[in-house]
């Protein structure tokens, strides 16, 4: 079984396609989340981006 990583996830929203891109600088895991717009987790109507 794989041990949990102690690293903190780094993320940003890609301005080209609005995907949430994430990576862990400790273990190297990474990925992208797309299609989140309009979902339960889409807080864009109450949170503004800076």
N, C-alpha and C. Protein backbone atom coordinates (compact mmCIF):
# COMPACT_ATOMS: atom_id res chain seq x y z
N UNK A 1 0.84 -1.17 0.00
CA UNK A 1 0.00 0.00 0.00
C UNK A 1 0.89 1.25 0.00
N UNK A 2 0.47 2.23 -0.72
CA UNK A 2 1.22 3.48 -0.85
C UNK A 2 0.98 4.37 0.37
N UNK A 3 2.04 4.99 0.89
CA UNK A 3 1.92 5.90 2.02
C UNK A 3 1.44 7.27 1.54
N UNK A 4 0.62 7.95 2.35
CA UNK A 4 0.18 9.29 1.98
C UNK A 4 1.37 10.26 1.92
N UNK A 5 1.33 11.16 1.00
CA UNK A 5 2.38 12.17 0.87
C UNK A 5 2.11 13.29 1.87
N UNK A 6 3.18 13.89 2.38
CA UNK A 6 3.04 15.00 3.33
C UNK A 6 3.14 16.36 2.63
N UNK A 7 3.29 16.37 1.32
CA UNK A 7 3.42 17.62 0.57
C UNK A 7 2.11 18.38 0.50
N UNK A 8 2.21 19.67 0.23
CA UNK A 8 1.02 20.51 0.05
C UNK A 8 0.78 20.71 -1.44
N UNK A 9 -0.46 20.52 -1.84
CA UNK A 9 -0.84 20.66 -3.24
C UNK A 9 -0.72 22.11 -3.67
N UNK A 10 -0.10 22.33 -4.81
CA UNK A 10 -0.04 23.65 -5.44
C UNK A 10 -1.02 23.61 -6.61
N UNK A 11 -1.77 24.70 -6.81
CA UNK A 11 -2.75 24.70 -7.89
C UNK A 11 -2.94 26.09 -8.46
N UNK A 12 -3.48 26.11 -9.67
CA UNK A 12 -3.87 27.36 -10.32
C UNK A 12 -4.94 27.05 -11.35
N UNK A 13 -5.66 28.07 -11.76
CA UNK A 13 -6.66 27.90 -12.82
C UNK A 13 -6.02 28.33 -14.13
N UNK A 14 -6.00 27.42 -15.10
CA UNK A 14 -5.44 27.71 -16.41
C UNK A 14 -6.35 28.71 -17.13
N UNK A 15 -5.84 29.88 -17.47
CA UNK A 15 -6.68 30.90 -18.10
C UNK A 15 -7.18 30.53 -19.50
N UNK A 16 -6.54 29.56 -20.13
CA UNK A 16 -6.95 29.18 -21.48
C UNK A 16 -8.19 28.30 -21.50
N UNK A 17 -8.32 27.39 -20.52
CA UNK A 17 -9.47 26.48 -20.55
C UNK A 17 -10.18 26.34 -19.19
N UNK A 18 -9.80 27.15 -18.22
CA UNK A 18 -10.39 27.16 -16.88
C UNK A 18 -10.23 25.85 -16.12
N UNK A 19 -9.32 24.98 -16.55
CA UNK A 19 -9.04 23.75 -15.79
C UNK A 19 -8.26 24.11 -14.53
N UNK A 20 -8.52 23.38 -13.46
CA UNK A 20 -7.73 23.53 -12.24
C UNK A 20 -6.55 22.58 -12.38
N UNK A 21 -5.35 23.13 -12.44
CA UNK A 21 -4.14 22.35 -12.61
C UNK A 21 -3.47 22.25 -11.23
N UNK A 22 -3.11 21.03 -10.83
CA UNK A 22 -2.52 20.84 -9.51
C UNK A 22 -1.30 19.94 -9.58
N UNK A 23 -0.43 20.10 -8.58
CA UNK A 23 0.75 19.24 -8.48
C UNK A 23 1.27 19.25 -7.05
N UNK A 24 1.96 18.20 -6.70
CA UNK A 24 2.62 18.10 -5.40
C UNK A 24 4.12 18.20 -5.64
N UNK A 25 4.77 19.20 -5.05
CA UNK A 25 6.20 19.36 -5.26
C UNK A 25 7.04 18.28 -4.56
N UNK A 26 6.45 17.54 -3.63
CA UNK A 26 7.19 16.52 -2.89
C UNK A 26 7.21 15.19 -3.64
N UNK A 27 6.04 14.68 -4.01
CA UNK A 27 5.98 13.36 -4.65
C UNK A 27 5.84 13.42 -6.17
N UNK A 28 5.49 14.60 -6.70
CA UNK A 28 5.38 14.74 -8.15
C UNK A 28 4.03 14.41 -8.74
N UNK A 29 3.09 13.93 -7.91
CA UNK A 29 1.75 13.68 -8.44
C UNK A 29 1.19 14.98 -9.01
N UNK A 30 0.37 14.86 -10.05
CA UNK A 30 -0.19 16.06 -10.68
C UNK A 30 -1.41 15.67 -11.49
N UNK A 31 -2.15 16.68 -11.88
CA UNK A 31 -3.32 16.43 -12.69
C UNK A 31 -4.06 17.71 -13.01
N UNK A 32 -5.19 17.57 -13.62
CA UNK A 32 -6.03 18.71 -13.97
C UNK A 32 -7.49 18.32 -13.77
N UNK A 33 -8.27 19.27 -13.32
CA UNK A 33 -9.70 19.05 -13.10
C UNK A 33 -10.44 19.98 -14.06
N UNK A 34 -11.25 19.41 -14.92
CA UNK A 34 -12.02 20.22 -15.85
C UNK A 34 -13.50 19.88 -15.70
N UNK A 35 -14.35 20.73 -16.22
CA UNK A 35 -15.77 20.50 -16.14
C UNK A 35 -16.38 20.83 -14.79
N UNK A 36 -15.65 21.56 -13.97
CA UNK A 36 -16.15 21.90 -12.64
C UNK A 36 -17.12 23.09 -12.66
N UNK A 37 -17.12 23.85 -13.75
CA UNK A 37 -17.99 25.02 -13.83
C UNK A 37 -19.44 24.59 -13.73
N UNK A 38 -20.19 25.27 -12.88
CA UNK A 38 -21.59 24.97 -12.70
C UNK A 38 -21.87 23.81 -11.74
N UNK A 39 -20.81 23.21 -11.21
CA UNK A 39 -21.00 22.11 -10.26
C UNK A 39 -21.23 22.65 -8.85
N UNK A 40 -21.48 21.76 -7.92
CA UNK A 40 -21.68 22.11 -6.51
C UNK A 40 -20.48 22.89 -5.97
N UNK A 41 -19.27 22.56 -6.45
CA UNK A 41 -18.04 23.17 -5.95
C UNK A 41 -17.68 24.47 -6.66
N UNK A 42 -18.44 24.89 -7.62
CA UNK A 42 -18.18 26.14 -8.35
C UNK A 42 -18.64 27.32 -7.49
N UNK A 43 -17.69 28.01 -6.91
CA UNK A 43 -17.99 29.14 -6.03
C UNK A 43 -17.79 30.47 -6.75
N UNK A 44 -17.72 30.45 -8.06
CA UNK A 44 -17.42 31.68 -8.81
C UNK A 44 -18.48 32.76 -8.64
N UNK A 45 -19.68 32.41 -8.26
CA UNK A 45 -20.70 33.44 -8.06
C UNK A 45 -20.54 34.15 -6.71
N UNK A 46 -19.78 33.55 -5.78
CA UNK A 46 -19.58 34.20 -4.49
C UNK A 46 -18.13 34.55 -4.20
N UNK A 47 -17.21 34.03 -4.97
CA UNK A 47 -15.78 34.30 -4.79
C UNK A 47 -15.24 34.87 -6.09
N UNK A 48 -14.50 35.97 -6.00
CA UNK A 48 -13.91 36.54 -7.21
C UNK A 48 -12.45 36.15 -7.29
N UNK A 49 -11.97 35.96 -8.50
CA UNK A 49 -10.55 35.64 -8.70
C UNK A 49 -9.73 36.92 -8.66
N UNK A 50 -8.50 36.77 -8.20
CA UNK A 50 -7.56 37.90 -8.16
C UNK A 50 -6.40 37.64 -9.08
